[in-house]
Protein backbone atom coordinates (compact mmCIF):
# COMPACT_ATOMS: atom_id res chain seq x y z
CA UNK A 1 33.85 184.84 58.20
CA UNK A 2 30.96 185.74 55.87
CA UNK A 3 33.14 187.36 53.16
CA UNK A 4 35.30 184.24 53.04
CA UNK A 5 32.23 182.01 52.62
CA UNK A 6 30.86 184.29 49.89
CA UNK A 7 34.17 184.15 48.01
CA UNK A 8 34.42 180.36 48.29
CA UNK A 9 30.81 179.83 47.21
CA UNK A 10 31.18 182.17 44.24
CA UNK A 11 34.35 180.36 43.12
CA UNK A 12 32.56 177.00 43.42
CA UNK A 13 29.87 178.33 41.06
CA UNK A 14 32.53 179.38 38.55
CA UNK A 15 32.13 183.11 39.21
CA UNK A 16 34.64 185.83 40.06
CA UNK A 17 35.54 185.72 43.75
CA UNK A 18 34.27 189.23 44.50
CA UNK A 19 30.78 190.35 43.48
CA UNK A 20 30.50 193.12 40.90
CA UNK A 21 26.78 193.79 41.41
CA UNK A 22 24.83 194.14 44.65
CA UNK A 23 21.15 194.43 45.48
CA UNK A 24 20.34 196.67 48.45
CA UNK A 25 17.12 196.46 50.47
CA UNK A 26 16.06 197.93 53.79
CA UNK A 27 13.45 197.15 56.40
CA UNK A 28 12.30 199.28 59.32
CA UNK A 29 11.41 197.33 62.45
CA UNK A 30 9.89 198.34 65.78
CA UNK A 31 12.13 198.12 68.84
CA UNK A 32 11.72 198.53 72.58
CA UNK A 33 12.90 201.68 74.32
CA UNK A 34 15.92 200.00 75.88
CA UNK A 35 18.63 198.42 73.80
CA UNK A 36 20.38 201.05 71.74
CA UNK A 37 19.75 203.92 69.35
CA UNK A 38 16.49 204.14 67.47
CA UNK A 39 14.71 206.69 65.33
CA UNK A 40 11.37 207.40 63.65
CA UNK A 41 10.78 206.35 60.03
CA UNK A 42 8.12 208.86 58.96
CA UNK A 43 7.38 207.05 55.70
CA UNK A 44 6.45 203.81 57.46
CA UNK A 45 5.40 205.41 60.76
CA UNK A 46 7.68 203.13 62.77
CA UNK A 47 9.88 204.02 65.74
CA UNK A 48 12.85 201.71 65.85
CA UNK A 49 15.77 200.61 63.72
CA UNK A 50 16.39 200.03 60.04
CA UNK A 51 18.30 197.03 58.83
CA UNK A 52 19.84 197.12 55.42
CA UNK A 53 21.28 194.14 53.60
CA UNK A 54 23.11 193.76 50.32
CA UNK A 55 23.10 190.52 48.36
CA UNK A 56 24.98 189.51 45.25
CA UNK A 57 23.22 188.12 42.17
CA UNK A 58 23.44 184.61 43.60
CA UNK A 59 21.59 185.64 46.77
CA UNK A 60 24.56 185.58 49.16
CA UNK A 61 24.37 188.18 51.92
CA UNK A 62 27.37 190.40 51.26
CA UNK A 63 26.86 193.03 53.98
CA UNK A 64 24.39 194.04 56.65
CA UNK A 65 24.08 197.37 58.46
CA UNK A 66 21.73 198.28 61.32
CA UNK A 67 21.07 201.91 62.28
CA UNK A 68 18.28 204.14 63.61
CA UNK A 69 15.19 204.19 61.39
CA UNK A 70 15.34 207.96 60.86
CA UNK A 71 18.24 207.66 58.38
CA UNK A 72 16.71 208.20 54.89
CA UNK A 73 17.15 205.51 52.24
CA UNK A 74 19.23 207.82 50.02
CA UNK A 75 21.77 208.11 52.86
CA UNK A 76 21.81 204.35 53.53
CA UNK A 77 23.47 203.25 50.30
CA UNK A 78 26.80 205.02 50.96
CA UNK A 79 26.96 203.41 54.43
CA UNK A 80 26.50 199.96 52.95
CA UNK A 81 28.87 200.63 50.02
CA UNK A 82 31.59 201.71 52.44
CA UNK A 83 31.13 198.51 54.41
CA UNK A 84 31.32 196.37 51.26
CA UNK A 85 34.48 198.11 50.03
CA UNK A 86 36.17 197.43 53.36
CA UNK A 87 35.23 193.73 53.24
CA UNK A 88 36.25 193.00 49.65
CA UNK A 89 39.31 195.21 49.06
């Protein structure tokens, strides 16, 4: 549903339907012991999960990925890029 809304909103603004640029950001958050996989982010000293979102230049959320916090940021970008390619191809 979200990719369709992004495409429609971009077309309303007179832009290409699919974004050509994305901004990636991540946030590590604490989680309880029960409820799924979690890891330890040594840089932020947080045990939990990391959520990573990508927005286009208009601020629309293009993709979101949640994974254990022990995945380094340099390894996050390919996960998000793969997700975006599958949504907009």
